[in-house]
Amino acid sequence: MMRLLTSLLLGLTLVSAPVHAQSGPLRLELDQGIIEPLPFSVPNFVPDSTAAAQYAQDISRVVAADLTGTGLFREILSDAFISQVASFEDPVRFADWKAINAEALVTGAVNVSGNRLTVRFRVWDVFSGQELGNGLQFAGTTEGWRRMAHKVADQVYSRVTGEGAYFDSRVAFVSESGPKNQRLKRLAIMDYDGANVQYLTDSAAIVLAPRFSPAGDQLLYTSYESGQPRIYVLDIERVRRTELNTQGGTMSFSPRFSPDGRSIVYSLIQGGNTDLWKMDLASGQSVRLTNTPAIETAPSYSPDGSQIVFESDRSGTPQLYIMPANGGEATRISFGQGRYGTPVWSPRGDLVAFTKQNKGRFHIGVMRTDGSEERLLTSSFLDEGPTWSPNGRVIMFTRETQGASGRATLYSVDISGRNLRPIRTPDGGSDPSWGPLQN
């Protein structure tokens, strides 16, 4: 185990030194990206029958893709294998895996009985010949085989890196189709990697900015079906929606749930002013949080629910501010050149992601919650709307290409600024919201 973890450590640039507790494993804080990805192998999982063979192959491929997609791992493919794993119970021939320089090995077995599917797996440190943690199994239906693959990958990722999981999660987004001057937009949801897209609304009205509830069972979003922006809450399982009463005759938008899911914060245009309001979902009562001549929007709660970060032009240009969750004095945290917007608090509580426009370019960046250590992760014609993975390690955002036929696409990037990757969707995609880990 120590050989594997030491190898991973040597490939990382770390902000803080690793800690090896006397009673626990070495834990690593991966804040500045990886230089040399860790080599690993995932032989096809062993099927218990002909019916399980395709599932076994597909699950092992998704596990490998999840790990490789992080940029922290490099897969050694099957054409380099000296030996195969023919039985889940047989001893691993570690010498054969050392010879091809694999440092981590994931083995598994798949059982199918009717529509029930069970996956067992183990994670091995090849050089020490030790298992990382204990073997586990996940059970479900054959239709949910991808979720079980993501669960396996989450366990492997967490055991090797010490980081929280994020593969078994979903992303809500706005699916975009049609020409740029007649763009059709509908609400959709998918697995974090772009698979299993499900459409939740039709394209009859423009929809914007879906936002997951803390439990992942509801979405807030803004719709223009009445001609003005209105906020709706949608039950994902039932695909049933309700309009929130944010005061008639006004425009409401940019909603977000509080961490406990009991209230929302949103922007409301009233009497020519755009301010932040908070609504208690049980009673429907709203209270005003800001009252200035400025445009104040894009609010996001801190993970503990005590503060809100938001965008305001009260200083003359859009900048980022933090205030108590119940309103009060706001503190400006952005001071670099350019215009800042769409701030989102990290699930870890230590960083704020944002969109920045400067010198004709758009960027996705992060900064500490006091405004220090600003880092720009991307640069493009148009990058905007960041959202955090459940473990606070990865940011997804919208990138739009230039020109009359410009297309919006979802991308992800590591908080180090490495591993920029497109997320494939059937049509264009924008306004992503990364949900929590699924139960």
Foldseek 3Di string as FASTA:
>chain_A
DVVLLVVLVVFADAPDDWDQDPVDHIAGDHQQAGRDAAEAEEAQEAEPDPVCRVLSRVLSVLLVCVRVLVVRYDYDDPVQFPDGCHDPPDQDPLVRVVVSPHQKYKYWYWYDDPQKIKIKIWIAGSVVSDTQDDIDMDMDGVVCSSLRSLVVSQVNVCSNHVFHGFQQWKKKWWFWDDFPVDIFTFIWMAGPQAPDIDTLDGRPWDKAAWAAAQQRQKIWIWTCPVVATWIWIAGVVVSDIDTQCPDPPKHKGQWYAALVRQKIKTWIQDPNAIFIKMAGPVVSDIDTADDDRWHKGQWEAQNVRQKIWTWICPVPATFIWMDGNNHDDIDTQADDPFHWHNWYAFNVRFKIWIWGDDPQWIFIWIAGPNNPPIDTLDIDNDWGAWEAGQRRFKIKTWDWHDDSRIAIWIWMAGNSSPSIGTRDYPGGIHNMYIHHRHD
